[in-house]
Amino acid sequence: MSHEIFQDLILQLHKHPKHELKDVPADQLFKKHTNPLCGDEVTIIAQPEDIGHGQTGQLHFIGDGCAISRASAALAVDDLSNKSTEQALAAIDEFLNQLNTPYEATEDISNRNALLSIRRFPARSECAALAWKTARELLTSR
């Protein structure tokens, strides 16, 4: 598998993310985290009534950082939206566990595998993990 394809997928998620907002709307729940190593910032946003009922609803994000950080935030809110809290937390754990396993080349061209391909560069793993860790904190903070 060509690494250029994975790079292109990451850049597309970075440049054209779904569910990105510019500001946190009033009365929304949110968590914001910064990667102290590079300054990437991500905010994950949810409707309070969804979280209060054990659901994620449609999640949104605000991202200011590198392509990996923003692509990961876009993928996280897309993957975690409209699930039960338990399903979302399981998906977060699965992604973070995959991110910490050794890189193996794959023929599966998906946004998730594109993002997981950064395991070849361990220093960048925190960029990919930031949104997922932020989402976990948002979902478990109530």
N, C-alpha and C. Protein backbone atom coordinates (compact mmCIF):
# COMPACT_ATOMS: atom_id res chain seq x y z
N MET A 1 0.84 -1.18 0.00
CA MET A 1 0.00 0.00 0.00
C MET A 1 0.88 1.24 0.00
N SER A 2 0.56 2.14 -0.85
CA SER A 2 1.31 3.38 -0.96
C SER A 2 0.99 4.31 0.21
N HIS A 3 2.03 4.79 0.87
CA HIS A 3 1.83 5.71 1.99
C HIS A 3 1.25 7.03 1.50
N GLU A 4 1.43 7.35 0.23
CA GLU A 4 0.87 8.58 -0.33
C GLU A 4 -0.65 8.57 -0.28
N ILE A 5 -1.25 7.40 -0.49
CA ILE A 5 -2.72 7.30 -0.41
C ILE A 5 -3.18 7.64 1.00
N PHE A 6 -2.51 7.10 2.01
CA PHE A 6 -2.87 7.40 3.39
C PHE A 6 -2.66 8.89 3.68
N GLN A 7 -1.57 9.46 3.20
CA GLN A 7 -1.34 10.89 3.41
C GLN A 7 -2.44 11.71 2.76
N ASP A 8 -2.87 11.32 1.58
CA ASP A 8 -3.95 12.03 0.90
C ASP A 8 -5.25 11.97 1.69
N LEU A 9 -5.56 10.79 2.25
CA LEU A 9 -6.78 10.65 3.05
C LEU A 9 -6.73 11.54 4.28
N ILE A 10 -5.59 11.58 4.95
CA ILE A 10 -5.43 12.44 6.13
C ILE A 10 -5.59 13.90 5.74
N LEU A 11 -4.98 14.30 4.64
CA LEU A 11 -5.10 15.69 4.19
C LEU A 11 -6.54 16.05 3.83
N GLN A 12 -7.28 15.12 3.24
CA GLN A 12 -8.68 15.38 2.91
C GLN A 12 -9.51 15.57 4.18
N LEU A 13 -9.29 14.73 5.19
CA LEU A 13 -9.99 14.91 6.47
C LEU A 13 -9.63 16.24 7.12
N HIS A 14 -8.37 16.64 6.99
CA HIS A 14 -7.89 17.89 7.56
C HIS A 14 -8.50 19.09 6.84
N LYS A 15 -8.52 19.06 5.53
CA LYS A 15 -8.99 20.20 4.75
C LYS A 15 -10.51 20.31 4.66
N HIS A 16 -11.20 19.18 4.68
CA HIS A 16 -12.65 19.17 4.50
C HIS A 16 -13.33 18.33 5.59
N PRO A 17 -13.14 18.71 6.84
CA PRO A 17 -13.73 17.91 7.92
C PRO A 17 -15.24 18.13 8.02
N LYS A 18 -15.93 17.07 8.37
CA LYS A 18 -17.35 17.18 8.70
C LYS A 18 -17.46 17.59 10.16
N HIS A 19 -18.52 18.24 10.48
CA HIS A 19 -18.89 18.52 11.88
C HIS A 19 -17.91 19.41 12.63
N GLU A 20 -17.20 20.27 11.90
CA GLU A 20 -16.32 21.22 12.57
C GLU A 20 -17.06 22.53 12.78
N LEU A 21 -16.89 23.10 13.95
CA LEU A 21 -17.48 24.39 14.28
C LEU A 21 -16.36 25.41 14.51
N LYS A 22 -16.72 26.68 14.46
CA LYS A 22 -15.75 27.75 14.74
C LYS A 22 -15.75 28.15 16.21
N ASP A 23 -16.93 28.03 16.85
CA ASP A 23 -17.09 28.39 18.26
C ASP A 23 -17.99 27.37 18.93
N VAL A 24 -17.91 27.29 20.25
CA VAL A 24 -18.79 26.42 21.02
C VAL A 24 -20.14 27.13 21.16
N PRO A 25 -21.21 26.51 20.66
CA PRO A 25 -22.54 27.12 20.83
C PRO A 25 -22.92 27.21 22.31
N ALA A 26 -23.76 28.18 22.62
CA ALA A 26 -24.23 28.35 24.00
C ALA A 26 -24.94 27.08 24.46
N ASP A 27 -24.81 26.79 25.72
CA ASP A 27 -25.49 25.67 26.37
C ASP A 27 -25.03 24.29 25.89
N GLN A 28 -23.86 24.19 25.31
CA GLN A 28 -23.33 22.89 24.89
C GLN A 28 -22.29 22.42 25.89
N LEU A 29 -22.18 21.11 26.01
CA LEU A 29 -21.11 20.53 26.81
C LEU A 29 -19.86 20.45 25.93
N PHE A 30 -18.71 20.68 26.53
CA PHE A 30 -17.49 20.58 25.74
C PHE A 30 -16.30 20.32 26.65
N LYS A 31 -15.29 19.73 26.05
CA LYS A 31 -13.98 19.56 26.68
C LYS A 31 -12.93 20.02 25.68
N LYS A 32 -11.94 20.72 26.19
CA LYS A 32 -10.85 21.20 25.35
C LYS A 32 -9.53 20.72 25.94
N HIS A 33 -8.67 20.23 25.06
CA HIS A 33 -7.35 19.80 25.48
C HIS A 33 -6.30 20.32 24.50
N THR A 34 -5.12 20.51 25.03
CA THR A 34 -3.98 20.96 24.24
C THR A 34 -2.86 19.94 24.38
N ASN A 35 -2.20 19.64 23.28
CA ASN A 35 -1.02 18.79 23.31
C ASN A 35 0.16 19.69 23.69
N PRO A 36 0.71 19.52 24.89
CA PRO A 36 1.78 20.43 25.34
C PRO A 36 3.06 20.30 24.52
N LEU A 37 3.23 19.21 23.81
CA LEU A 37 4.45 19.02 23.02
C LEU A 37 4.47 19.86 21.75
N CYS A 38 3.26 20.11 21.18
CA CYS A 38 3.24 20.80 19.88
C CYS A 38 2.25 21.96 19.82
N GLY A 39 1.34 22.05 20.79
CA GLY A 39 0.38 23.14 20.81
C GLY A 39 -0.93 22.85 20.11
N ASP A 40 -1.11 21.65 19.55
CA ASP A 40 -2.40 21.30 18.95
C ASP A 40 -3.49 21.44 19.99
N GLU A 41 -4.64 21.98 19.56
CA GLU A 41 -5.80 22.12 20.46
C GLU A 41 -7.01 21.49 19.80
N VAL A 42 -7.78 20.79 20.60
CA VAL A 42 -9.04 20.23 20.10
C VAL A 42 -10.10 20.39 21.18
N THR A 43 -11.30 20.73 20.73
CA THR A 43 -12.47 20.83 21.59
C THR A 43 -13.52 19.89 21.02
N ILE A 44 -14.06 19.02 21.85
CA ILE A 44 -15.15 18.13 21.45
C ILE A 44 -16.42 18.67 22.09
N ILE A 45 -17.50 18.74 21.30
CA ILE A 45 -18.73 19.40 21.72
C ILE A 45 -19.91 18.43 21.59
N ALA A 46 -20.80 18.45 22.59
CA ALA A 46 -21.98 17.58 22.59
C ALA A 46 -23.19 18.32 23.14
N GLN A 47 -24.35 17.83 22.79
CA GLN A 47 -25.61 18.34 23.33
C GLN A 47 -25.79 17.78 24.75
N PRO A 48 -26.08 18.63 25.73
CA PRO A 48 -26.23 18.14 27.10
C PRO A 48 -27.34 17.08 27.25
N GLU A 49 -28.45 17.26 26.51
CA GLU A 49 -29.56 16.30 26.66
C GLU A 49 -29.18 14.92 26.13
N ASP A 50 -28.31 14.85 25.10
CA ASP A 50 -27.87 13.54 24.61
C ASP A 50 -26.99 12.85 25.64
N ILE A 51 -26.01 13.56 26.14
CA ILE A 51 -25.09 12.99 27.13
C ILE A 51 -25.85 12.59 28.38
N GLY A 52 -26.83 13.39 28.78
CA GLY A 52 -27.64 13.08 29.95
C GLY A 52 -28.47 11.82 29.81
N HIS A 53 -28.69 11.39 28.58
CA HIS A 53 -29.48 10.18 28.33
C HIS A 53 -28.61 9.00 27.87
N GLY A 54 -27.32 9.07 28.14
CA GLY A 54 -26.44 7.96 27.81
C GLY A 54 -26.15 7.80 26.33
N GLN A 55 -26.31 8.87 25.57
CA GLN A 55 -26.06 8.87 24.13
C GLN A 55 -25.03 9.94 23.79
N THR A 56 -24.40 9.78 22.64
CA THR A 56 -23.47 10.82 22.22
C THR A 56 -24.15 11.88 21.38
N GLY A 57 -25.22 11.50 20.66
CA GLY A 57 -25.82 12.44 19.72
C GLY A 57 -24.81 12.80 18.66
N GLN A 58 -25.07 13.89 17.95
CA GLN A 58 -24.13 14.36 16.93
C GLN A 58 -23.05 15.19 17.61
N LEU A 59 -21.84 14.69 17.61
CA LEU A 59 -20.71 15.41 18.18
C LEU A 59 -20.13 16.36 17.13
N HIS A 60 -19.47 17.41 17.62
CA HIS A 60 -18.78 18.37 16.78
C HIS A 60 -17.41 18.63 17.39
N PHE A 61 -16.57 19.32 16.65
CA PHE A 61 -15.25 19.65 17.17
C PHE A 61 -14.80 21.01 16.68
N ILE A 62 -13.86 21.54 17.40
CA ILE A 62 -13.09 22.71 16.99
C ILE A 62 -11.64 22.24 17.05
N GLY A 63 -10.90 22.42 15.95
CA GLY A 63 -9.53 21.94 15.92
C GLY A 63 -8.58 22.99 15.41
N ASP A 64 -7.50 23.15 16.13
CA ASP A 64 -6.45 24.07 15.71
C ASP A 64 -5.13 23.33 15.90
N GLY A 65 -4.59 22.85 14.79
CA GLY A 65 -3.35 22.12 14.90
C GLY A 65 -2.94 21.51 13.58
N CYS A 66 -2.12 20.50 13.68
CA CYS A 66 -1.57 19.85 12.49
C CYS A 66 -2.64 19.03 11.78
N ALA A 67 -2.30 18.58 10.58
CA ALA A 67 -3.24 17.79 9.78
C ALA A 67 -3.65 16.51 10.49
N ILE A 68 -2.73 15.86 11.17
CA ILE A 68 -3.06 14.62 11.87
C ILE A 68 -4.05 14.89 13.00
N SER A 69 -3.82 15.92 13.77
CA SER A 69 -4.70 16.26 14.88
C SER A 69 -6.11 16.58 14.39
N ARG A 70 -6.21 17.40 13.36
CA ARG A 70 -7.52 17.79 12.82
C ARG A 70 -8.22 16.62 12.14
N ALA A 71 -7.47 15.81 11.40
CA ALA A 71 -8.06 14.64 10.75
C ALA A 71 -8.57 13.66 11.80
N SER A 72 -7.82 13.49 12.86
CA SER A 72 -8.23 12.59 13.93
C SER A 72 -9.50 13.10 14.61
N ALA A 73 -9.59 14.40 14.84
CA ALA A 73 -10.80 14.97 15.45
C ALA A 73 -12.01 14.75 14.54
N ALA A 74 -11.84 14.97 13.25
CA ALA A 74 -12.93 14.75 12.31
C ALA A 74 -13.38 13.29 12.31
N LEU A 75 -12.41 12.38 12.32
CA LEU A 75 -12.73 10.95 12.34
C LEU A 75 -13.38 10.56 13.66
N ALA A 76 -12.88 11.09 14.76
CA ALA A 76 -13.44 10.75 16.07
C ALA A 76 -14.90 11.16 16.18
N VAL A 77 -15.22 12.40 15.83
CA VAL A 77 -16.62 12.83 15.98
C VAL A 77 -17.52 12.07 15.01
N ASP A 78 -17.00 11.71 13.84
CA ASP A 78 -17.80 10.93 12.90
C ASP A 78 -18.03 9.52 13.44
N ASP A 79 -16.98 8.88 13.94
CA ASP A 79 -17.08 7.52 14.47
C ASP A 79 -17.91 7.43 15.75
N LEU A 80 -17.83 8.44 16.59
CA LEU A 80 -18.44 8.36 17.92
C LEU A 80 -19.85 8.93 17.99
N SER A 81 -20.27 9.64 16.98
CA SER A 81 -21.60 10.26 17.00
C SER A 81 -22.71 9.22 16.89
N ASN A 82 -23.81 9.56 17.55
CA ASN A 82 -25.05 8.76 17.49
C ASN A 82 -24.86 7.32 17.96
N LYS A 83 -24.11 7.19 19.03
CA LYS A 83 -23.91 5.89 19.67
C LYS A 83 -24.28 6.02 21.14
N SER A 84 -24.43 4.89 21.79
CA SER A 84 -24.58 4.93 23.24
C SER A 84 -23.22 5.31 23.81
N THR A 85 -23.23 5.83 25.01
CA THR A 85 -21.97 6.20 25.66
C THR A 85 -21.06 4.98 25.76
N GLU A 86 -21.63 3.82 26.09
CA GLU A 86 -20.83 2.60 26.22
C GLU A 86 -20.19 2.22 24.89
N GLN A 87 -20.95 2.31 23.80
CA GLN A 87 -20.39 1.99 22.48
C GLN A 87 -19.27 2.97 22.11
N ALA A 88 -19.48 4.24 22.39
CA ALA A 88 -18.48 5.24 22.07
C ALA A 88 -17.21 5.03 22.89
N LEU A 89 -17.36 4.74 24.17
CA LEU A 89 -16.17 4.50 25.01
C LEU A 89 -15.41 3.27 24.55
N ALA A 90 -16.12 2.24 24.12
CA ALA A 90 -15.46 1.04 23.58
C ALA A 90 -14.71 1.37 22.29
N ALA A 91 -15.31 2.20 21.44
CA ALA A 91 -14.65 2.60 20.19
C ALA A 91 -13.40 3.43 20.48
N ILE A 92 -13.47 4.29 21.48
CA ILE A 92 -12.30 5.09 21.87
C ILE A 92 -11.18 4.17 22.35
N ASP A 93 -11.51 3.23 23.24
CA ASP A 93 -10.49 2.30 23.73
C ASP A 93 -9.89 1.48 22.60
N GLU A 94 -10.73 1.04 21.66
CA GLU A 94 -10.24 0.26 20.52
C GLU A 94 -9.25 1.08 19.68
N PHE A 95 -9.62 2.32 19.37
CA PHE A 95 -8.74 3.16 18.57
C PHE A 95 -7.42 3.41 19.28
N LEU A 96 -7.48 3.79 20.56
CA LEU A 96 -6.25 4.09 21.31
C LEU A 96 -5.38 2.85 21.45
N ASN A 97 -5.98 1.69 21.63
CA ASN A 97 -5.20 0.44 21.69
C ASN A 97 -4.54 0.16 20.35
N GLN A 98 -5.28 0.35 19.25
CA GLN A 98 -4.71 0.15 17.92
C GLN A 98 -3.56 1.12 17.68
N LEU A 99 -3.72 2.34 18.15
CA LEU A 99 -2.70 3.36 17.96
C LEU A 99 -1.40 2.98 18.66
N ASN A 100 -1.50 2.18 19.72
CA ASN A 100 -0.32 1.79 20.49
C ASN A 100 0.25 0.43 20.11
N THR A 101 -0.27 -0.16 19.03
CA THR A 101 0.30 -1.43 18.56
C THR A 101 1.26 -1.14 17.42
N PRO A 102 2.20 -2.04 17.19
CA PRO A 102 3.16 -1.81 16.09
C PRO A 102 2.46 -1.67 14.74
N TYR A 103 3.01 -0.84 13.90
CA TYR A 103 2.45 -0.60 12.57
C TYR A 103 2.64 -1.82 11.69
N GLU A 104 1.58 -2.17 11.00
CA GLU A 104 1.64 -3.22 9.98
C GLU A 104 0.97 -2.67 8.74
N ALA A 105 1.60 -2.84 7.60
CA ALA A 105 1.02 -2.36 6.35
C ALA A 105 -0.29 -3.09 6.09
N THR A 106 -1.22 -2.38 5.47
CA THR A 106 -2.52 -2.96 5.18
C THR A 106 -2.98 -2.52 3.80
N GLU A 107 -3.81 -3.31 3.21
CA GLU A 107 -4.41 -2.97 1.92
C GLU A 107 -5.76 -2.29 2.11
N ASP A 108 -6.24 -2.23 3.34
CA ASP A 108 -7.54 -1.62 3.64
C ASP A 108 -7.41 -0.10 3.60
N ILE A 109 -8.00 0.49 2.56
CA ILE A 109 -7.95 1.95 2.42
C ILE A 109 -9.18 2.52 3.09
N SER A 110 -8.99 2.98 4.30
CA SER A 110 -10.07 3.62 5.05
C SER A 110 -9.47 4.81 5.79
N ASN A 111 -10.33 5.73 6.18
CA ASN A 111 -9.85 6.88 6.94
C ASN A 111 -9.19 6.44 8.24
N ARG A 112 -9.78 5.44 8.89
CA ARG A 112 -9.23 4.96 10.15
C ARG A 112 -7.82 4.38 9.95
N ASN A 113 -7.64 3.55 8.93
CA ASN A 113 -6.32 2.98 8.68
C ASN A 113 -5.32 4.04 8.23
N ALA A 114 -5.80 5.04 7.53
CA ALA A 114 -4.92 6.14 7.15
C ALA A 114 -4.38 6.82 8.41
N LEU A 115 -5.27 7.08 9.35
CA LEU A 115 -4.85 7.71 10.58
C LEU A 115 -3.94 6.80 11.40
N LEU A 116 -4.28 5.52 11.45
CA LEU A 116 -3.45 4.57 12.19
C LEU A 116 -2.08 4.37 11.56
N SER A 117 -1.93 4.73 10.30
CA SER A 117 -0.63 4.57 9.64
C SER A 117 0.44 5.47 10.26
N ILE A 118 0.04 6.48 11.01
CA ILE A 118 1.03 7.36 11.63
C ILE A 118 1.79 6.65 12.75
N ARG A 119 1.38 5.44 13.09
CA ARG A 119 2.13 4.66 14.08
C ARG A 119 3.58 4.48 13.65
N ARG A 120 3.85 4.64 12.36
CA ARG A 120 5.23 4.56 11.88
C ARG A 120 6.07 5.67 12.49
N PHE A 121 5.42 6.71 12.98
CA PHE A 121 6.09 7.87 13.57
C PHE A 121 5.56 8.05 14.99
N PRO A 122 6.10 7.33 15.96
CA PRO A 122 5.57 7.33 17.32
C PRO A 122 5.41 8.73 17.93
N ALA A 123 6.24 9.66 17.56
CA ALA A 123 6.12 11.01 18.12
C ALA A 123 4.81 11.67 17.71
N ARG A 124 4.20 11.22 16.62
CA ARG A 124 2.96 11.82 16.13
C ARG A 124 1.71 11.13 16.70
N SER A 125 1.90 10.05 17.44
CA SER A 125 0.74 9.33 17.99
C SER A 125 -0.10 10.20 18.91
N GLU A 126 0.54 11.07 19.66
CA GLU A 126 -0.22 11.95 20.55
C GLU A 126 -1.11 12.91 19.76
N CYS A 127 -0.66 13.30 18.57
CA CYS A 127 -1.49 14.15 17.71
C CYS A 127 -2.78 13.42 17.35
N ALA A 128 -2.67 12.14 17.03
CA ALA A 128 -3.84 11.35 16.66
C ALA A 128 -4.70 11.00 17.87
N ALA A 129 -4.10 10.85 19.03
CA ALA A 129 -4.84 10.44 20.22
C ALA A 129 -5.59 11.59 20.90
N LEU A 130 -5.19 12.82 20.65
CA LEU A 130 -5.72 13.97 21.39
C LEU A 130 -7.24 14.06 21.36
N ALA A 131 -7.85 13.98 20.21
CA ALA A 131 -9.31 14.12 20.10
C ALA A 131 -10.03 12.96 20.78
N TRP A 132 -9.50 11.77 20.65
CA TRP A 132 -10.13 10.59 21.23
C TRP A 132 -10.08 10.65 22.76
N LYS A 133 -8.96 11.08 23.30
CA LYS A 133 -8.84 11.23 24.75
C LYS A 133 -9.76 12.35 25.25
N THR A 134 -9.88 13.41 24.48
CA THR A 134 -10.76 14.52 24.85
C THR A 134 -12.21 14.06 24.83
N ALA A 135 -12.59 13.29 23.83
CA ALA A 135 -13.95 12.76 23.75
C ALA A 135 -14.24 11.85 24.95
N ARG A 136 -13.28 11.01 25.31
CA ARG A 136 -13.48 10.12 26.47
C ARG A 136 -13.73 10.94 27.73
N GLU A 137 -12.95 12.00 27.92
CA GLU A 137 -13.15 12.82 29.11
C GLU A 137 -14.53 13.48 29.09
N LEU A 138 -14.96 13.97 27.93
CA LEU A 138 -16.27 14.59 27.83
C LEU A 138 -17.37 13.57 28.18
N LEU A 139 -17.25 12.37 27.67
CA LEU A 139 -18.29 11.34 27.87
C LEU A 139 -18.30 10.80 29.30
N THR A 140 -17.20 10.90 30.00
CA THR A 140 -17.14 10.35 31.37
C THR A 140 -17.17 11.42 32.46
N SER A 141 -17.33 12.67 32.06
CA SER A 141 -17.23 13.76 33.05
C SER A 141 -18.52 14.03 33.81
N ARG A 142 -19.59 13.38 33.47
CA ARG A 142 -20.86 13.64 34.16
C ARG A 142 -21.15 12.60 35.19
